[in-house]
């Protein structure tokens, strides 16, 4: 076996942190929504947009993209779906007519509040699986990794 083949054969994908985090994200998402989070009406992107608008009104899709790292296409589709379901309104910017400001509707506020309650209950059940110390360590480690990547510091 060559050195490259040996390295490939000894690499354990199951222990590779990015793979494990991606898999865990999928498992948590499926479990959360199966447990009643979202009540079948919204996905993560729609929920994220509603949460942003509930905290800070009059954002643009570009603002949300810059803040979240979500793809522009995914945001555009989610905004269209939220508008179609009556959860948000689009309004032209008074100073720049090319820009659309997004505002959460009363129905969107109610949906976001219900999702927030479901998420808090789910988080409590999830956190019961580990100790406060474990949670502190995990949160700290994720924060360190995120801060470095957001700051543009490549790890490779």
N, C-alpha and C. Protein backbone atom coordinates (compact mmCIF):
# COMPACT_ATOMS: atom_id res chain seq x y z
N UNK A 1 0.84 -1.18 0.00
CA UNK A 1 0.00 0.00 0.00
C UNK A 1 0.88 1.25 0.00
N UNK A 2 0.47 2.24 -0.79
CA UNK A 2 1.22 3.49 -0.81
C UNK A 2 0.87 4.31 0.42
N UNK A 3 1.66 5.35 0.66
CA UNK A 3 1.39 6.22 1.81
C UNK A 3 0.01 6.86 1.73
N UNK A 4 -0.39 7.27 0.52
CA UNK A 4 -1.71 7.88 0.35
C UNK A 4 -2.82 6.87 0.62
N UNK A 5 -2.65 5.67 0.12
CA UNK A 5 -3.67 4.63 0.32
C UNK A 5 -3.78 4.26 1.79
N UNK A 6 -2.64 4.21 2.48
CA UNK A 6 -2.66 3.90 3.91
C UNK A 6 -3.37 5.00 4.70
N UNK A 7 -3.08 6.25 4.34
CA UNK A 7 -3.73 7.36 5.03
C UNK A 7 -5.24 7.32 4.80
N UNK A 8 -5.64 7.04 3.55
CA UNK A 8 -7.07 6.97 3.24
C UNK A 8 -7.73 5.81 3.98
N UNK A 9 -7.03 4.69 4.06
CA UNK A 9 -7.60 3.52 4.72
C UNK A 9 -7.70 3.72 6.23
N UNK A 10 -6.80 4.52 6.80
CA UNK A 10 -6.83 4.72 8.25
C UNK A 10 -7.71 5.89 8.68
N UNK A 11 -8.16 6.69 7.71
CA UNK A 11 -9.01 7.83 8.04
C UNK A 11 -10.39 7.34 8.47
N UNK A 12 -10.85 7.80 9.61
CA UNK A 12 -12.15 7.37 10.13
C UNK A 12 -13.14 8.53 10.00
N UNK A 13 -13.95 8.48 8.97
CA UNK A 13 -14.93 9.53 8.71
C UNK A 13 -15.87 9.73 9.89
N UNK A 14 -16.19 8.66 10.58
CA UNK A 14 -17.11 8.73 11.72
C UNK A 14 -16.56 9.58 12.86
N UNK A 15 -15.26 9.79 12.91
CA UNK A 15 -14.65 10.59 13.96
C UNK A 15 -14.29 12.01 13.48
N UNK A 16 -14.51 12.30 12.21
CA UNK A 16 -14.20 13.60 11.62
C UNK A 16 -15.27 14.60 12.05
N UNK A 17 -14.87 15.61 12.82
CA UNK A 17 -15.83 16.52 13.45
C UNK A 17 -16.81 17.16 12.47
N UNK A 18 -16.38 17.73 11.33
CA UNK A 18 -17.39 18.31 10.42
C UNK A 18 -18.44 17.30 9.97
N UNK A 19 -18.04 16.06 9.70
CA UNK A 19 -19.00 15.04 9.30
C UNK A 19 -19.97 14.75 10.45
N UNK A 20 -19.44 14.58 11.64
CA UNK A 20 -20.29 14.27 12.78
C UNK A 20 -21.27 15.40 13.07
N UNK A 21 -20.80 16.66 12.94
CA UNK A 21 -21.69 17.80 13.19
C UNK A 21 -22.79 17.87 12.13
N UNK A 22 -22.43 17.59 10.88
CA UNK A 22 -23.43 17.61 9.80
C UNK A 22 -24.47 16.52 10.04
N UNK A 23 -24.02 15.32 10.40
CA UNK A 23 -24.94 14.23 10.67
C UNK A 23 -25.83 14.55 11.88
N UNK A 24 -25.22 15.09 12.93
CA UNK A 24 -25.98 15.44 14.12
C UNK A 24 -27.02 16.52 13.82
N UNK A 25 -26.66 17.48 13.00
CA UNK A 25 -27.61 18.51 12.60
C UNK A 25 -28.83 17.88 11.92
N UNK A 26 -28.58 16.96 11.02
CA UNK A 26 -29.68 16.28 10.34
C UNK A 26 -30.55 15.49 11.31
N UNK A 27 -29.90 14.78 12.24
CA UNK A 27 -30.65 13.99 13.22
C UNK A 27 -31.47 14.89 14.15
N UNK A 28 -30.87 15.97 14.62
CA UNK A 28 -31.59 16.89 15.51
C UNK A 28 -32.76 17.56 14.79
N UNK A 29 -32.53 17.97 13.55
CA UNK A 29 -33.59 18.61 12.77
C UNK A 29 -34.77 17.66 12.61
N UNK A 30 -34.49 16.44 12.18
CA UNK A 30 -35.56 15.46 11.98
C UNK A 30 -36.28 15.18 13.29
N UNK A 31 -35.53 15.03 14.37
CA UNK A 31 -36.15 14.72 15.66
C UNK A 31 -36.99 15.89 16.17
N UNK A 32 -36.47 17.10 16.02
CA UNK A 32 -37.22 18.28 16.48
C UNK A 32 -38.54 18.40 15.73
N UNK A 33 -38.50 18.29 14.42
CA UNK A 33 -39.73 18.44 13.65
C UNK A 33 -40.67 17.26 13.86
N UNK A 34 -40.13 16.06 14.07
CA UNK A 34 -40.97 14.90 14.37
C UNK A 34 -41.66 15.05 15.72
N UNK A 35 -40.99 15.76 16.64
CA UNK A 35 -41.55 15.97 17.99
C UNK A 35 -42.57 17.11 18.00
N UNK A 36 -42.87 17.67 16.85
CA UNK A 36 -43.90 18.70 16.78
C UNK A 36 -43.38 20.10 16.56
N UNK A 37 -42.08 20.27 16.49
CA UNK A 37 -41.54 21.59 16.20
C UNK A 37 -41.87 21.96 14.77
N UNK A 38 -42.45 23.08 14.58
CA UNK A 38 -42.79 23.53 13.24
C UNK A 38 -44.17 23.14 12.79
N UNK A 39 -44.78 22.22 13.47
CA UNK A 39 -46.16 21.80 13.19
C UNK A 39 -46.41 21.56 11.71
N UNK A 40 -45.34 21.26 10.98
CA UNK A 40 -45.47 20.94 9.56
C UNK A 40 -45.60 22.13 8.65
N UNK A 41 -45.53 23.34 9.18
CA UNK A 41 -45.73 24.52 8.34
C UNK A 41 -44.44 25.18 7.90
N UNK A 42 -43.40 25.09 8.71
CA UNK A 42 -42.16 25.79 8.40
C UNK A 42 -40.94 24.88 8.49
N UNK A 43 -39.94 25.20 7.72
CA UNK A 43 -38.63 24.57 7.84
C UNK A 43 -37.70 25.51 8.58
N UNK A 44 -36.44 25.08 8.71
CA UNK A 44 -35.45 25.90 9.45
C UNK A 44 -35.28 27.30 8.87
N UNK A 45 -35.17 27.37 7.55
CA UNK A 45 -34.90 28.68 6.94
C UNK A 45 -36.05 29.64 7.20
N UNK A 46 -37.29 29.16 7.03
CA UNK A 46 -38.45 30.03 7.30
C UNK A 46 -38.49 30.45 8.76
N UNK A 47 -38.23 29.49 9.63
CA UNK A 47 -38.24 29.80 11.05
C UNK A 47 -37.15 30.80 11.40
N UNK A 48 -35.98 30.63 10.84
CA UNK A 48 -34.88 31.56 11.10
C UNK A 48 -35.26 32.98 10.67
N UNK A 49 -35.84 33.09 9.49
CA UNK A 49 -36.23 34.41 8.99
C UNK A 49 -37.27 35.04 9.90
N UNK A 50 -38.28 34.28 10.31
CA UNK A 50 -39.29 34.82 11.24
C UNK A 50 -38.64 35.27 12.55
N UNK A 51 -37.71 34.48 13.06
CA UNK A 51 -37.04 34.82 14.32
C UNK A 51 -36.24 36.11 14.19
N UNK A 52 -35.54 36.26 13.08
CA UNK A 52 -34.78 37.49 12.84
C UNK A 52 -35.72 38.69 12.78
N UNK A 53 -36.81 38.54 12.04
CA UNK A 53 -37.75 39.66 11.89
C UNK A 53 -38.48 39.96 13.19
N UNK A 54 -38.70 38.96 14.03
CA UNK A 54 -39.33 39.20 15.32
C UNK A 54 -38.40 40.01 16.23
N UNK A 55 -37.10 39.82 16.07
CA UNK A 55 -36.12 40.53 16.91
C UNK A 55 -35.75 41.89 16.34
N UNK A 56 -35.74 41.98 15.01
CA UNK A 56 -35.30 43.22 14.38
C UNK A 56 -36.09 43.42 13.09
N UNK A 57 -37.03 44.35 13.11
CA UNK A 57 -37.92 44.58 11.98
C UNK A 57 -37.19 45.22 10.81
N UNK A 58 -37.85 45.17 9.68
CA UNK A 58 -37.41 45.87 8.47
C UNK A 58 -36.04 45.45 7.95
N UNK A 59 -35.77 44.17 8.01
CA UNK A 59 -34.55 43.63 7.43
C UNK A 59 -34.79 43.36 5.95
N UNK A 60 -33.71 43.28 5.19
CA UNK A 60 -33.80 42.86 3.80
C UNK A 60 -33.33 41.42 3.71
N UNK A 61 -33.63 40.78 2.58
CA UNK A 61 -33.13 39.42 2.37
C UNK A 61 -31.61 39.40 2.40
N UNK A 62 -30.99 40.45 1.88
CA UNK A 62 -29.52 40.55 1.91
C UNK A 62 -29.02 40.65 3.34
N UNK A 63 -29.70 41.42 4.18
CA UNK A 63 -29.32 41.51 5.60
C UNK A 63 -29.33 40.12 6.24
N UNK A 64 -30.38 39.37 5.95
CA UNK A 64 -30.52 38.03 6.53
C UNK A 64 -29.43 37.11 6.00
N UNK A 65 -29.14 37.21 4.70
CA UNK A 65 -28.06 36.42 4.10
C UNK A 65 -26.73 36.71 4.78
N UNK A 66 -26.40 37.97 4.95
CA UNK A 66 -25.12 38.36 5.55
C UNK A 66 -25.02 37.90 7.01
N UNK A 67 -26.12 37.94 7.71
CA UNK A 67 -26.13 37.56 9.12
C UNK A 67 -26.06 36.05 9.31
N UNK A 68 -26.71 35.31 8.42
CA UNK A 68 -26.88 33.88 8.64
C UNK A 68 -25.93 32.99 7.86
N UNK A 69 -25.49 33.46 6.71
CA UNK A 69 -24.71 32.59 5.85
C UNK A 69 -25.58 31.67 5.01
N UNK A 70 -26.90 31.79 5.16
CA UNK A 70 -27.81 30.99 4.34
C UNK A 70 -27.72 31.45 2.89
N UNK A 71 -27.95 30.53 1.97
CA UNK A 71 -27.89 30.87 0.56
C UNK A 71 -28.99 31.83 0.15
N UNK A 72 -28.68 32.68 -0.82
CA UNK A 72 -29.65 33.67 -1.29
C UNK A 72 -30.90 33.00 -1.89
N UNK A 73 -30.69 31.91 -2.60
CA UNK A 73 -31.83 31.21 -3.21
C UNK A 73 -32.74 30.64 -2.13
N UNK A 74 -32.14 30.03 -1.11
CA UNK A 74 -32.95 29.46 -0.01
C UNK A 74 -33.73 30.57 0.69
N UNK A 75 -33.10 31.70 0.91
CA UNK A 75 -33.78 32.82 1.56
C UNK A 75 -34.91 33.34 0.68
N UNK A 76 -34.66 33.48 -0.60
CA UNK A 76 -35.68 33.97 -1.52
C UNK A 76 -36.90 33.05 -1.53
N UNK A 77 -36.66 31.74 -1.59
CA UNK A 77 -37.77 30.78 -1.58
C UNK A 77 -38.52 30.83 -0.25
N UNK A 78 -37.79 30.93 0.85
CA UNK A 78 -38.41 30.97 2.16
C UNK A 78 -39.25 32.24 2.32
N UNK A 79 -38.73 33.37 1.87
CA UNK A 79 -39.48 34.62 1.96
C UNK A 79 -40.77 34.52 1.14
N UNK A 80 -40.69 33.95 -0.05
CA UNK A 80 -41.89 33.78 -0.88
C UNK A 80 -42.92 32.89 -0.18
N UNK A 81 -42.45 31.81 0.42
CA UNK A 81 -43.34 30.89 1.14
C UNK A 81 -43.97 31.58 2.35
N UNK A 82 -43.17 32.31 3.10
CA UNK A 82 -43.69 33.02 4.28
C UNK A 82 -44.71 34.07 3.88
N UNK A 83 -44.45 34.77 2.79
CA UNK A 83 -45.40 35.78 2.32
C UNK A 83 -46.70 35.10 1.86
N UNK A 84 -46.55 34.00 1.13
CA UNK A 84 -47.73 33.27 0.64
C UNK A 84 -48.61 32.77 1.80
N UNK A 85 -47.97 32.39 2.90
CA UNK A 85 -48.70 31.89 4.07
C UNK A 85 -49.15 33.01 5.01
N UNK A 86 -48.85 34.25 4.66
CA UNK A 86 -49.30 35.39 5.46
C UNK A 86 -48.46 35.66 6.69
N UNK A 87 -47.23 35.12 6.73
CA UNK A 87 -46.38 35.29 7.91
C UNK A 87 -45.47 36.51 7.83
N UNK A 88 -45.32 37.08 6.64
CA UNK A 88 -44.54 38.33 6.53
C UNK A 88 -45.07 39.17 5.38
N UNK A 89 -44.66 40.42 5.40
CA UNK A 89 -45.01 41.38 4.35
C UNK A 89 -43.72 41.93 3.76
N UNK A 90 -43.76 42.24 2.47
CA UNK A 90 -42.65 42.94 1.82
C UNK A 90 -43.08 44.38 1.58
N UNK A 91 -42.17 45.29 1.86
CA UNK A 91 -42.47 46.71 1.62
C UNK A 91 -41.27 47.34 0.93
N UNK A 92 -41.54 48.14 -0.08
CA UNK A 92 -40.46 48.84 -0.79
C UNK A 92 -39.82 49.86 0.14
N UNK A 93 -38.50 49.93 0.08
CA UNK A 93 -37.75 50.91 0.86
C UNK A 93 -38.06 52.31 0.32
N UNK A 94 -38.35 53.22 1.21
CA UNK A 94 -38.72 54.59 0.80
C UNK A 94 -37.56 55.31 0.10
N UNK A 95 -36.34 55.02 0.50
CA UNK A 95 -35.18 55.71 -0.08
C UNK A 95 -34.62 55.02 -1.31
N UNK A 96 -34.76 53.71 -1.39
CA UNK A 96 -34.23 52.95 -2.53
C UNK A 96 -35.31 51.96 -2.97
N UNK A 97 -36.04 52.29 -4.01
CA UNK A 97 -37.18 51.50 -4.46
C UNK A 97 -36.77 50.10 -4.95
N UNK A 98 -35.47 49.86 -5.16
CA UNK A 98 -35.02 48.53 -5.58
C UNK A 98 -34.99 47.56 -4.40
N UNK A 99 -35.01 48.08 -3.18
CA UNK A 99 -34.86 47.28 -1.97
C UNK A 99 -36.23 46.99 -1.36
N UNK A 100 -36.41 45.73 -0.95
CA UNK A 100 -37.64 45.35 -0.25
C UNK A 100 -37.31 45.08 1.21
N UNK A 101 -38.03 45.73 2.09
CA UNK A 101 -37.92 45.50 3.53
C UNK A 101 -38.92 44.42 3.91
N UNK A 102 -38.52 43.54 4.81
CA UNK A 102 -39.38 42.46 5.26
C UNK A 102 -39.88 42.75 6.66
N UNK A 103 -41.16 42.51 6.88
CA UNK A 103 -41.75 42.74 8.20
C UNK A 103 -42.61 41.54 8.56
N UNK A 104 -42.49 41.10 9.79
CA UNK A 104 -43.28 39.96 10.27
C UNK A 104 -44.72 40.42 10.48
N UNK A 105 -45.66 39.56 10.11
CA UNK A 105 -47.09 39.88 10.29
C UNK A 105 -47.55 39.36 11.65
N UNK A 106 -48.74 39.75 12.08
CA UNK A 106 -49.28 39.19 13.33
C UNK A 106 -49.36 37.65 13.29
N UNK A 107 -49.74 37.09 12.14
CA UNK A 107 -49.77 35.62 12.03
C UNK A 107 -48.36 35.05 12.13
N UNK A 108 -47.39 35.75 11.57
CA UNK A 108 -45.99 35.32 11.67
C UNK A 108 -45.48 35.38 13.09
N UNK A 109 -45.88 36.42 13.82
CA UNK A 109 -45.49 36.55 15.23
C UNK A 109 -46.05 35.39 16.04
N UNK A 110 -47.30 35.02 15.78
CA UNK A 110 -47.92 33.91 16.52
C UNK A 110 -47.22 32.59 16.18
N UNK A 111 -46.91 32.39 14.91
CA UNK A 111 -46.22 31.16 14.48
C UNK A 111 -44.83 31.09 15.09
N UNK A 112 -44.11 32.21 15.08
CA UNK A 112 -42.76 32.24 15.62
C UNK A 112 -42.79 31.99 17.12
N UNK A 113 -43.76 32.54 17.82
CA UNK A 113 -43.87 32.33 19.27
C UNK A 113 -44.16 30.86 19.58
N UNK A 114 -45.02 30.23 18.78
CA UNK A 114 -45.31 28.81 19.00
C UNK A 114 -44.06 27.96 18.75
N UNK A 115 -43.32 28.30 17.72
CA UNK A 115 -42.08 27.58 17.44
C UNK A 115 -41.05 27.78 18.54
N UNK A 116 -40.98 28.99 19.06
CA UNK A 116 -40.03 29.27 20.15
C UNK A 116 -40.38 28.43 21.38
N UNK A 117 -41.65 28.31 21.69
CA UNK A 117 -42.07 27.48 22.84
C UNK A 117 -41.71 26.01 22.60
N UNK A 118 -41.97 25.53 21.39
CA UNK A 118 -41.63 24.14 21.05
C UNK A 118 -40.12 23.92 21.14
N UNK A 119 -39.35 24.91 20.69
CA UNK A 119 -37.89 24.80 20.73
C UNK A 119 -37.37 24.80 22.16
N UNK A 120 -37.94 25.63 23.00
CA UNK A 120 -37.52 25.67 24.41
C UNK A 120 -37.80 24.34 25.10
N UNK A 121 -38.95 23.76 24.83
CA UNK A 121 -39.29 22.46 25.42
C UNK A 121 -38.36 21.37 24.89
N UNK A 122 -38.08 21.41 23.59
CA UNK A 122 -37.17 20.43 22.99
C UNK A 122 -35.76 20.59 23.56
N UNK A 123 -35.31 21.82 23.68
CA UNK A 123 -33.97 22.08 24.22
C UNK A 123 -33.85 21.57 25.65
N UNK A 124 -34.89 21.72 26.44
CA UNK A 124 -34.86 21.22 27.82
C UNK A 124 -34.71 19.71 27.84
N UNK A 125 -35.44 19.02 26.94
CA UNK A 125 -35.32 17.56 26.87
C UNK A 125 -33.93 17.16 26.40
N UNK A 126 -33.40 17.89 25.44
CA UNK A 126 -32.07 17.61 24.91
C UNK A 126 -31.00 17.83 25.98
N UNK A 127 -31.11 18.92 26.71
CA UNK A 127 -30.11 19.26 27.73
C UNK A 127 -30.16 18.32 28.92
N UNK A 128 -31.28 17.66 29.10
CA UNK A 128 -31.38 16.69 30.19
C UNK A 128 -30.46 15.48 29.94
N UNK A 129 -29.97 15.35 28.72
CA UNK A 129 -29.06 14.26 28.38
C UNK A 129 -27.63 14.48 28.88
N UNK A 130 -27.32 15.72 29.26
CA UNK A 130 -25.93 16.00 29.67
C UNK A 130 -25.92 16.91 30.90
N UNK A 131 -24.75 17.01 31.48
CA UNK A 131 -24.61 17.85 32.68
C UNK A 131 -24.42 19.31 32.28
N UNK A 132 -24.57 20.19 33.23
CA UNK A 132 -24.34 21.62 32.99
C UNK A 132 -22.89 21.86 32.57
N UNK A 133 -21.98 21.12 33.16
CA UNK A 133 -20.55 21.25 32.80
C UNK A 133 -20.32 20.81 31.36
N UNK A 134 -20.94 19.70 30.95
CA UNK A 134 -20.82 19.24 29.56
C UNK A 134 -21.35 20.30 28.60
N UNK A 135 -22.51 20.85 28.94
CA UNK A 135 -23.12 21.87 28.10
C UNK A 135 -22.23 23.10 28.00
N UNK A 136 -21.65 23.52 29.12
CA UNK A 136 -20.75 24.67 29.12
C UNK A 136 -19.57 24.42 28.19
N UNK A 137 -18.95 23.23 28.31
CA UNK A 137 -17.79 22.89 27.47
C UNK A 137 -18.16 22.88 25.99
N UNK A 138 -19.29 22.24 25.67
CA UNK A 138 -19.72 22.16 24.28
C UNK A 138 -19.98 23.56 23.71
N UNK A 139 -20.71 24.37 24.45
CA UNK A 139 -21.03 25.72 24.00
C UNK A 139 -19.76 26.54 23.81
N UNK A 140 -18.84 26.41 24.73
CA UNK A 140 -17.56 27.14 24.64
C UNK A 140 -16.77 26.69 23.42
N UNK A 141 -16.65 25.39 23.20
CA UNK A 141 -15.91 24.86 22.06
C UNK A 141 -16.54 25.30 20.74
N UNK A 142 -17.84 25.18 20.63
CA UNK A 142 -18.52 25.61 19.41
C UNK A 142 -18.31 27.11 19.18
N UNK A 143 -18.33 27.90 20.24
CA UNK A 143 -18.09 29.33 20.12
C UNK A 143 -16.70 29.64 19.61
N UNK A 144 -15.71 28.93 20.10
CA UNK A 144 -14.32 29.15 19.67
C UNK A 144 -14.19 28.83 18.18
N UNK A 145 -14.72 27.69 17.76
CA UNK A 145 -14.63 27.30 16.36
C UNK A 145 -15.36 28.31 15.48
N UNK A 146 -16.58 28.67 15.88
CA UNK A 146 -17.38 29.61 15.10
C UNK A 146 -16.71 30.98 14.99
N UNK A 147 -16.21 31.49 16.10
CA UNK A 147 -15.55 32.80 16.08
C UNK A 147 -14.37 32.82 15.11
N UNK A 148 -13.58 31.78 15.12
CA UNK A 148 -12.44 31.72 14.22
C UNK A 148 -12.85 31.64 12.76
N UNK A 149 -13.84 30.85 12.47
CA UNK A 149 -14.29 30.72 11.08
C UNK A 149 -14.98 31.99 10.60
N UNK A 150 -15.81 32.59 11.45
CA UNK A 150 -16.49 33.83 11.07
C UNK A 150 -15.48 34.96 10.85
N UNK A 151 -14.42 34.95 11.63
CA UNK A 151 -13.37 35.97 11.49
C UNK A 151 -12.50 35.74 10.27
N UNK A 152 -12.77 34.64 9.55
CA UNK A 152 -12.03 34.38 8.32
C UNK A 152 -10.73 33.64 8.55
N UNK A 153 -10.55 33.11 9.74
CA UNK A 153 -9.34 32.35 10.02
C UNK A 153 -9.56 30.92 9.56
N UNK A 154 -8.89 30.54 8.49
CA UNK A 154 -9.04 29.16 8.03
C UNK A 154 -8.32 28.23 8.97
N UNK A 155 -8.84 27.07 9.12
CA UNK A 155 -8.26 26.09 10.03
C UNK A 155 -7.36 25.11 9.29
N UNK A 156 -7.35 25.20 7.96
CA UNK A 156 -6.58 24.25 7.17
C UNK A 156 -5.38 24.86 6.67
